Amino acid sequence: MKAMTLDEKQMMDFDLLVSSENVHYETDLTIYFVLNGGLSVGCSDSVLSLAEKDFLIVNPYQLHSVELEEHCLAMRFLVNLGKISEFYDISELDFVGNSVEEESGQHMALRGLLEKCVAFYYGKRSNNGRILLKLNSLYYNIAELLISSFSVVKNRNVDADDREFDESLIQEMTRYVHMNYQSPVKLEDLAEHFFLSTAYISRFFKKKLGINFTKYLTDIRLDEAVKRLETTDKTL
């Protein structure tokens, strides 16, 4: 993998992935973004397979491995959390997001920003001043989106009150989904309704129910469809 480091003044930078890498960690927040082919990232005893236009966010000092499939074309973005901390208190935050297990408007927005950065790749390499200025603007947009939509409070020890709150919250969320499953309900709708980030809700669903929000919603819709077929005379 080509060496790339950020200085304290840089918000972000990115470059091509050129080789696979054994278990390691980055000191900056990392976003892997696949342009073509396939990329496998091993992290926390699991392996996530990324395809074209998929991305994965990996926190600083999080051990992981990277394996590029033959003919894979992918980018590695580094994000300077020290620079972001000049604007936001991120001391209690982790960043969570991948487009393999979840797809939302925020995921599409981040993908779009990453694609815009990649479009300026060769201008960046030639140190074109106008391109570098445009990229810097995109970097700040990405940083703001990471904070607003892909940040969650770090794991901590929870007491009985916290567990009771979690159980109450998941019940309220599942009730909301059951009441609105016939509408085009999205992860963003839950985030707005419960005043939480989409990243938090996505992680919370997976933690409490063992499946992500999209799978849960699909299962409800399929179950209801089966019930209607069994209990009514309506045709398909």
C-alpha atoms as a PDB file:
ATOM      1  CA  MET A   1       0.000   0.000   0.000  1.00  0.00           C
ATOM      2  CA  LYS A   2       1.358   3.400  -0.942  1.00  0.00           C
ATOM      3  CA  ALA A   3       2.431   5.393   2.103  1.00  0.00           C
ATOM      4  CA  MET A   4       0.338   8.494   2.755  1.00  0.00           C
ATOM      5  CA  THR A   5       0.356  10.758   5.780  1.00  0.00           C
ATOM      6  CA  LEU A   6      -1.440  13.955   6.726  1.00  0.00           C
ATOM      7  CA  ASP A   7       0.158  16.997   8.259  1.00  0.00           C
ATOM      8  CA  GLU A   8      -1.698  18.875  11.001  1.00  0.00           C
ATOM      9  CA  LYS A   9      -3.018  21.511   8.578  1.00  0.00           C
ATOM     10  CA  GLN A  10      -4.652  19.068   6.163  1.00  0.00           C
ATOM     11  CA  MET A  11      -8.310  18.135   6.574  1.00  0.00           C
ATOM     12  CA  MET A  12      -8.076  15.172   4.195  1.00  0.00           C
ATOM     13  CA  ASP A  13      -6.105  13.503   1.451  1.00  0.00           C
ATOM     14  CA  PHE A  14      -6.553  10.418  -0.732  1.00  0.00           C
ATOM     15  CA  ASP A  15      -4.625   8.142  -3.039  1.00  0.00           C
ATOM     16  CA  LEU A  16      -4.877   4.866  -4.919  1.00  0.00           C
ATOM     17  CA  LEU A  17      -4.623   1.557  -3.117  1.00  0.00           C
ATOM     18  CA  VAL A  18      -1.876  -0.336  -4.892  1.00  0.00           C
ATOM     19  CA  SER A  19      -1.532  -3.548  -2.878  1.00  0.00           C
ATOM     20  CA  SER A  20      -3.110  -5.709  -0.201  1.00  0.00           C
ATOM     21  CA  GLU A  21      -2.078  -5.167   3.405  1.00  0.00           C
ATOM     22  CA  ASN A  22      -1.885  -7.483   6.421  1.00  0.00           C
ATOM     23  CA  VAL A  23      -3.360  -6.535   9.799  1.00  0.00           C
ATOM     24  CA  HIS A  24      -2.446  -2.929  10.559  1.00  0.00           C
ATOM     25  CA  TYR A  25      -4.006   0.348  11.673  1.00  0.00           C
ATOM     26  CA  GLU A  26      -4.072   3.962  10.546  1.00  0.00           C
ATOM     27  CA  THR A  27      -3.623   6.904  12.905  1.00  0.00           C
ATOM     28  CA  ASP A  28      -6.256   8.855  10.943  1.00  0.00           C
ATOM     29  CA  LEU A  29      -9.869   8.060  10.142  1.00  0.00           C
ATOM     30  CA  THR A  30      -9.870   6.001   6.938  1.00  0.00           C
ATOM     31  CA  ILE A  31     -12.461   5.630   4.190  1.00  0.00           C
ATOM     32  CA  TYR A  32     -12.000   2.850   1.640  1.00  0.00           C
ATOM     33  CA  PHE A  33     -13.838   3.532  -1.622  1.00  0.00           C
ATOM     34  CA  VAL A  34     -14.037   1.020  -4.482  1.00  0.00           C
ATOM     35  CA  LEU A  35     -14.130   2.360  -8.042  1.00  0.00           C
ATOM     36  CA  ASN A  36     -14.046  -0.964  -9.847  1.00  0.00           C
ATOM     37  CA  GLY A  37     -13.713  -4.639  -8.924  1.00  0.00           C
ATOM     38  CA  GLY A  38     -13.757  -5.974  -5.376  1.00  0.00           C
ATOM     39  CA  LEU A  39     -12.037  -5.205  -2.078  1.00  0.00           C
ATOM     40  CA  SER A  40     -12.167  -7.248   1.150  1.00  0.00           C
ATOM     41  CA  VAL A  41     -11.558  -5.584   4.523  1.00  0.00           C
ATOM     42  CA  GLY A  42     -11.073  -7.768   7.588  1.00  0.00           C
ATOM     43  CA  CYS A  43     -12.023  -6.025  10.805  1.00  0.00           C
ATOM     44  CA  SER A  44     -13.121  -7.251  14.267  1.00  0.00           C
ATOM     45  CA  ASP A  45     -13.132 -10.955  13.324  1.00  0.00           C
ATOM     46  CA  SER A  46     -15.304 -10.358  10.263  1.00  0.00           C
ATOM     47  CA  VAL A  47     -14.646  -9.693   6.597  1.00  0.00           C
ATOM     48  CA  LEU A  48     -16.619  -7.167   4.585  1.00  0.00           C
ATOM     49  CA  SER A  49     -16.604  -7.498   0.793  1.00  0.00           C
ATOM     50  CA  LEU A  50     -16.872  -4.187  -1.024  1.00  0.00           C
ATOM     51  CA  ALA A  51     -17.956  -3.968  -4.660  1.00  0.00           C
ATOM     52  CA  GLU A  52     -18.057  -1.089  -7.130  1.00  0.00           C
ATOM     53  CA  LYS A  53     -19.022   2.250  -5.476  1.00  0.00           C
ATOM     54  CA  ASP A  54     -19.040   0.733  -1.984  1.00  0.00           C
ATOM     55  CA  PHE A  55     -17.270   2.486   0.866  1.00  0.00           C
ATOM     56  CA  LEU A  56     -16.256   1.603   4.417  1.00  0.00           C
ATOM     57  CA  ILE A  57     -15.275   3.886   7.307  1.00  0.00           C
ATOM     58  CA  VAL A  58     -12.548   2.611   9.673  1.00  0.00           C
ATOM     59  CA  ASN A  59     -11.715   4.415  12.917  1.00  0.00           C
ATOM     60  CA  PRO A  60      -8.170   5.443  13.887  1.00  0.00           C
ATOM     61  CA  TYR A  61      -6.097   2.660  15.503  1.00  0.00           C
ATOM     62  CA  GLN A  62      -8.707   0.053  14.533  1.00  0.00           C
ATOM     63  CA  LEU A  63      -6.856  -3.069  13.433  1.00  0.00           C
ATOM     64  CA  HIS A  64      -7.853  -4.274   9.975  1.00  0.00           C
ATOM     65  CA  SER A  65      -6.526  -5.950   6.844  1.00  0.00           C
ATOM     66  CA  VAL A  66      -7.084  -5.101   3.199  1.00  0.00           C
ATOM     67  CA  GLU A  67      -7.152  -7.483   0.240  1.00  0.00           C
ATOM     68  CA  LEU A  68      -7.575  -6.225  -3.315  1.00  0.00           C
ATOM     69  CA  GLU A  69      -9.046  -8.585  -5.860  1.00  0.00           C
ATOM     70  CA  GLU A  70      -7.388  -8.817  -9.254  1.00  0.00           C
ATOM     71  CA  HIS A  71      -7.978  -5.674 -11.337  1.00  0.00           C
ATOM     72  CA  CYS A  72      -9.531  -3.878  -8.360  1.00  0.00           C
ATOM     73  CA  LEU A  73      -9.340  -0.082  -8.455  1.00  0.00           C
ATOM     74  CA  ALA A  74      -9.894   1.561  -5.083  1.00  0.00           C
ATOM     75  CA  MET A  75      -9.062   4.730  -3.167  1.00  0.00           C
ATOM     76  CA  ARG A  76      -8.022   5.258   0.425  1.00  0.00           C
ATOM     77  CA  PHE A  77      -9.122   8.542   2.025  1.00  0.00           C
ATOM     78  CA  LEU A  78      -7.528   9.774   5.257  1.00  0.00           C
ATOM     79  CA  VAL A  79      -9.437  12.221   7.455  1.00  0.00           C
ATOM     80  CA  ASN A  80      -7.644  14.389  10.023  1.00  0.00           C
ATOM     81  CA  LEU A  81      -9.782  14.153  13.172  1.00  0.00           C
ATOM     82  CA  GLY A  82      -7.426  16.585  14.886  1.00  0.00           C
ATOM     83  CA  LYS A  83      -8.436  19.206  12.333  1.00  0.00           C
ATOM     84  CA  ILE A  84     -12.133  18.400  12.752  1.00  0.00           C
ATOM     85  CA  SER A  85     -11.745  18.751  16.537  1.00  0.00           C
ATOM     86  CA  GLU A  86     -10.985  22.442  15.979  1.00  0.00           C
ATOM     87  CA  PHE A  87     -14.673  22.819  15.072  1.00  0.00           C
ATOM     88  CA  TYR A  88     -16.415  19.964  16.925  1.00  0.00           C
ATOM     89  CA  ASP A  89     -15.900  18.094  20.180  1.00  0.00           C
ATOM     90  CA  ILE A  90     -15.333  14.577  18.871  1.00  0.00           C
ATOM     91  CA  SER A  91     -13.628  13.143  21.955  1.00  0.00           C
ATOM     92  CA  GLU A  92     -16.557  10.786  22.664  1.00  0.00           C
ATOM     93  CA  LEU A  93     -17.352   9.878  19.058  1.00  0.00           C
ATOM     94  CA  ASP A  94     -16.656   6.929  16.797  1.00  0.00           C
ATOM     95  CA  PHE A  95     -17.526   6.898  13.116  1.00  0.00           C
ATOM     96  CA  VAL A  96     -19.593   4.111  11.581  1.00  0.00           C
ATOM     97  CA  GLY A  97     -20.631   3.602   8.003  1.00  0.00           C
ATOM     98  CA  ASN A  98     -20.521   1.218   5.083  1.00  0.00           C
ATOM     99  CA  SER A  99     -22.642   1.047   1.968  1.00  0.00           C
ATOM    100  CA  VAL A 100     -22.652  -2.769   1.902  1.00  0.00           C
ATOM    101  CA  GLU A 101     -24.972  -3.302   4.870  1.00  0.00           C
ATOM    102  CA  GLU A 102     -26.957  -0.064   4.683  1.00  0.00           C
ATOM    103  CA  GLU A 103     -28.003   2.393   1.980  1.00  0.00           C
ATOM    104  CA  SER A 104     -29.533   5.761   2.823  1.00  0.00           C
ATOM    105  CA  GLY A 105     -29.607   9.292   1.511  1.00  0.00           C
ATOM    106  CA  GLN A 106     -26.557  10.077   3.644  1.00  0.00           C
ATOM    107  CA  HIS A 107     -24.693   7.114   2.180  1.00  0.00           C
ATOM    108  CA  MET A 108     -25.512   8.346  -1.310  1.00  0.00           C
ATOM    109  CA  ALA A 109     -24.393  11.866  -0.387  1.00  0.00           C
ATOM    110  CA  LEU A 110     -21.041  10.644   0.941  1.00  0.00           C
ATOM    111  CA  ARG A 111     -20.513   8.466  -2.120  1.00  0.00           C
ATOM    112  CA  GLY A 112     -21.223  11.465  -4.328  1.00  0.00           C
ATOM    113  CA  LEU A 113     -18.631  13.594  -2.519  1.00  0.00           C
ATOM    114  CA  LEU A 114     -16.037  10.826  -2.743  1.00  0.00           C
ATOM    115  CA  GLU A 115     -16.686  10.482  -6.462  1.00  0.00           C
ATOM    116  CA  LYS A 116     -16.213  14.227  -6.941  1.00  0.00           C
ATOM    117  CA  CYS A 117     -12.863  14.010  -5.164  1.00  0.00           C
ATOM    118  CA  VAL A 118     -11.765  11.132  -7.371  1.00  0.00           C
ATOM    119  CA  ALA A 119     -12.667  13.141 -10.477  1.00  0.00           C
ATOM    120  CA  PHE A 120      -9.957  15.630  -9.447  1.00  0.00           C
ATOM    121  CA  TYR A 121      -7.350  12.958  -8.721  1.00  0.00           C
ATOM    122  CA  TYR A 122      -4.971  13.760 -11.578  1.00  0.00           C
ATOM    123  CA  GLY A 123      -5.313  17.491 -11.005  1.00  0.00           C
ATOM    124  CA  LYS A 124      -4.375  16.878  -7.380  1.00  0.00           C
ATOM    125  CA  ARG A 125      -1.303  14.904  -8.375  1.00  0.00           C
ATOM    126  CA  SER A 126      -0.151  17.731 -10.644  1.00  0.00           C
ATOM    127  CA  ASN A 127      -0.676  20.259  -7.797  1.00  0.00           C
ATOM    128  CA  ASN A 128      -3.131  22.303  -9.832  1.00  0.00           C
ATOM    129  CA  GLY A 129      -4.029  25.218  -7.564  1.00  0.00           C
ATOM    130  CA  ARG A 130      -7.679  25.506  -8.599  1.00  0.00           C
ATOM    131  CA  ILE A 131      -8.170  21.760  -8.226  1.00  0.00           C
ATOM    132  CA  LEU A 132      -6.598  21.764  -4.775  1.00  0.00           C
ATOM    133  CA  LEU A 133      -8.949  24.580  -3.738  1.00  0.00           C
ATOM    134  CA  LYS A 134     -11.986  22.657  -5.007  1.00  0.00           C
ATOM    135  CA  LEU A 135     -10.803  19.540  -3.212  1.00  0.00           C
ATOM    136  CA  ASN A 136     -10.351  21.428   0.040  1.00  0.00           C
ATOM    137  CA  SER A 137     -13.989  22.555  -0.193  1.00  0.00           C
ATOM    138  CA  LEU A 138     -15.089  18.962  -0.775  1.00  0.00           C
ATOM    139  CA  TYR A 139     -13.009  17.787   2.200  1.00  0.00           C
ATOM    140  CA  TYR A 140     -14.850  20.142   4.544  1.00  0.00           C
ATOM    141  CA  ASN A 141     -18.205  18.980   3.146  1.00  0.00           C
ATOM    142  CA  ILE A 142     -17.198  15.382   3.813  1.00  0.00           C
ATOM    143  CA  ALA A 143     -16.073  16.237   7.347  1.00  0.00           C
ATOM    144  CA  GLU A 144     -19.414  17.906   8.121  1.00  0.00           C
ATOM    145  CA  LEU A 145     -21.335  14.925   6.731  1.00  0.00           C
ATOM    146  CA  LEU A 146     -19.255  12.496   8.794  1.00  0.00           C
ATOM    147  CA  ILE A 147     -20.128  14.435  11.946  1.00  0.00           C
ATOM    148  CA  SER A 148     -23.823  14.852  11.161  1.00  0.00           C
ATOM    149  CA  SER A 149     -24.621  11.405   9.776  1.00  0.00           C
ATOM    150  CA  PHE A 150     -21.885   8.860  10.514  1.00  0.00           C
ATOM    151  CA  SER A 151     -20.877   9.590  14.110  1.00  0.00           C
ATOM    152  CA  VAL A 152     -21.970   7.648  17.202  1.00  0.00           C
ATOM    153  CA  VAL A 153     -21.096   7.889  20.874  1.00  0.00           C
ATOM    154  CA  LYS A 154     -18.296   5.486  21.782  1.00  0.00           C
ATOM    155  CA  ASN A 155     -19.180   2.234  23.502  1.00  0.00           C
ATOM    156  CA  ARG A 156     -19.207   2.520  27.282  1.00  0.00           C
ATOM    157  CA  ASN A 157     -20.265   0.467  30.291  1.00  0.00           C
ATOM    158  CA  VAL A 158     -24.017   0.731  30.740  1.00  0.00           C
ATOM    159  CA  ASP A 159     -26.022   0.482  33.934  1.00  0.00           C
ATOM    160  CA  ALA A 160     -29.543  -0.848  34.472  1.00  0.00           C
ATOM    161  CA  ASP A 161     -31.158   2.484  33.587  1.00  0.00           C
ATOM    162  CA  ASP A 162     -29.278   2.594  30.290  1.00  0.00           C
ATOM    163  CA  ARG A 163     -30.343  -0.948  29.421  1.00  0.00           C
ATOM    164  CA  GLU A 164     -33.950  -0.122  30.284  1.00  0.00           C
ATOM    165  CA  PHE A 165     -33.764   2.958  28.069  1.00  0.00           C
ATOM    166  CA  ASP A 166     -32.307   0.919  25.198  1.00  0.00           C
ATOM    167  CA  GLU A 167     -35.108  -1.644  25.445  1.00  0.00           C
ATOM    168  CA  SER A 168     -37.715   1.104  25.487  1.00  0.00           C
ATOM    169  CA  LEU A 169     -36.097   2.826  22.512  1.00  0.00           C
ATOM    170  CA  ILE A 170     -35.934  -0.286  20.335  1.00  0.00           C
ATOM    171  CA  GLN A 171     -39.587  -1.008  21.127  1.00  0.00           C
ATOM    172  CA  GLU A 172     -40.553   2.509  20.069  1.00  0.00           C
ATOM    173  CA  MET A 173     -38.519   2.215  16.881  1.00  0.00           C
ATOM    174  CA  THR A 174     -39.968  -1.145  15.878  1.00  0.00           C
ATOM    175  CA  ARG A 175     -43.461   0.150  16.650  1.00  0.00           C
ATOM    176  CA  TYR A 176     -42.818   3.112  14.376  1.00  0.00           C
ATOM    177  CA  VAL A 177     -41.694   0.806  11.569  1.00  0.00           C
ATOM    178  CA  HIS A 178     -44.751  -1.460  11.965  1.00  0.00           C
ATOM    179  CA  MET A 179     -47.039   1.571  11.802  1.00  0.00           C
ATOM    180  CA  ASN A 180     -45.368   3.015   8.708  1.00  0.00           C
ATOM    181  CA  TYR A 181     -44.124  -0.001   6.743  1.00  0.00           C
ATOM    182  CA  GLN A 182     -46.658   0.624   3.946  1.00  0.00           C
ATOM    183  CA  SER A 183     -45.094   4.024   3.300  1.00  0.00           C
ATOM    184  CA  PRO A 184     -41.637   4.583   1.747  1.00  0.00           C
ATOM    185  CA  VAL A 185     -40.123   4.807   5.248  1.00  0.00           C
ATOM    186  CA  LYS A 186     -36.356   5.286   5.333  1.00  0.00           C
ATOM    187  CA  LEU A 187     -33.597   5.311   7.902  1.00  0.00           C
ATOM    188  CA  GLU A 188     -33.601   9.115   7.689  1.00  0.00           C
ATOM    189  CA  ASP A 189     -37.254   9.166   8.786  1.00  0.00           C
ATOM    190  CA  LEU A 190     -36.404   7.330  12.012  1.00  0.00           C
ATOM    191  CA  ALA A 191     -33.434   9.619  12.577  1.00  0.00           C
ATOM    192  CA  GLU A 192     -35.643  12.687  12.257  1.00  0.00           C
ATOM    193  CA  HIS A 193     -38.441  11.217  14.359  1.00  0.00           C
ATOM    194  CA  PHE A 194     -36.191  10.148  17.252  1.00  0.00           C
ATOM    195  CA  PHE A 195     -33.671  13.018  16.954  1.00  0.00           C
ATOM    196  CA  LEU A 196     -30.750  10.645  16.383  1.00  0.00           C
ATOM    197  CA  SER A 197     -28.176  10.218  13.632  1.00  0.00           C
ATOM    198  CA  THR A 198     -28.706   7.591  10.941  1.00  0.00           C
ATOM    199  CA  ALA A 199     -25.391   6.011  11.919  1.00  0.00           C
ATOM    200  CA  TYR A 200     -26.550   5.591  15.515  1.00  0.00           C
ATOM    201  CA  ILE A 201     -29.881   4.045  14.487  1.00  0.00           C
ATOM    202  CA  SER A 202     -28.213   1.699  12.006  1.00  0.00           C
ATOM    203  CA  ARG A 203     -25.756   0.486  14.634  1.00  0.00           C
ATOM    204  CA  PHE A 204     -28.475   0.308  17.302  1.00  0.00           C
ATOM    205  CA  PHE A 205     -30.735  -1.901  15.142  1.00  0.00           C
ATOM    206  CA  LYS A 206     -27.864  -4.250  14.362  1.00  0.00           C
ATOM    207  CA  LYS A 207     -26.869  -4.452  18.027  1.00  0.00           C
ATOM    208  CA  LYS A 208     -30.374  -5.034  19.431  1.00  0.00           C
ATOM    209  CA  LEU A 209     -31.979  -7.127  16.685  1.00  0.00           C
ATOM    210  CA  GLY A 210     -29.044  -8.713  14.907  1.00  0.00           C
ATOM    211  CA  ILE A 211     -30.070  -7.297  11.502  1.00  0.00           C
ATOM    212  CA  ASN A 212     -29.884  -3.866   9.917  1.00  0.00           C
ATOM    213  CA  PHE A 213     -32.821  -1.534   9.436  1.00  0.00           C
ATOM    214  CA  THR A 214     -33.317  -2.301   5.740  1.00  0.00           C
ATOM    215  CA  LYS A 215     -33.493  -6.052   6.369  1.00  0.00           C
ATOM    216  CA  TYR A 216     -35.909  -5.538   9.278  1.00  0.00           C
ATOM    217  CA  LEU A 217     -38.221  -3.380   7.156  1.00  0.00           C
ATOM    218  CA  THR A 218     -38.118  -5.856   4.254  1.00  0.00           C
ATOM    219  CA  ASP A 219     -38.943  -8.777   6.563  1.00  0.00           C
ATOM    220  CA  ILE A 220     -41.974  -6.922   7.957  1.00  0.00           C
ATOM    221  CA  ARG A 221     -43.264  -6.153   4.471  1.00  0.00           C
ATOM    222  CA  LEU A 222     -42.815  -9.780   3.363  1.00  0.00           C
ATOM    223  CA  ASP A 223     -44.550 -11.106   6.504  1.00  0.00           C
ATOM    224  CA  GLU A 224     -47.504  -8.783   5.995  1.00  0.00           C
ATOM    225  CA  ALA A 225     -47.746  -9.761   2.317  1.00  0.00           C
ATOM    226  CA  VAL A 226     -47.841 -13.454   3.251  1.00  0.00           C
ATOM    227  CA  LYS A 227     -50.553 -12.802   5.853  1.00  0.00           C
ATOM    228  CA  ARG A 228     -52.713 -11.010   3.302  1.00  0.00           C
ATOM    229  CA  LEU A 229     -52.324 -13.822   0.787  1.00  0.00           C
ATOM    230  CA  GLU A 230     -53.353 -16.357   3.422  1.00  0.00           C
ATOM    231  CA  THR A 231     -56.286 -14.449   4.932  1.00  0.00           C
ATOM    232  CA  THR A 232     -57.895 -12.673   1.954  1.00  0.00           C
ATOM    233  CA  ASP A 233     -59.287 -13.603  -1.436  1.00  0.00           C
ATOM    234  CA  LYS A 234     -57.290 -10.901  -3.213  1.00  0.00           C
ATOM    235  CA  THR A 235     -55.131 -11.946  -6.139  1.00  0.00           C
ATOM    236  CA  LEU A 236     -51.423 -11.351  -6.381  1.00  0.00           C
END
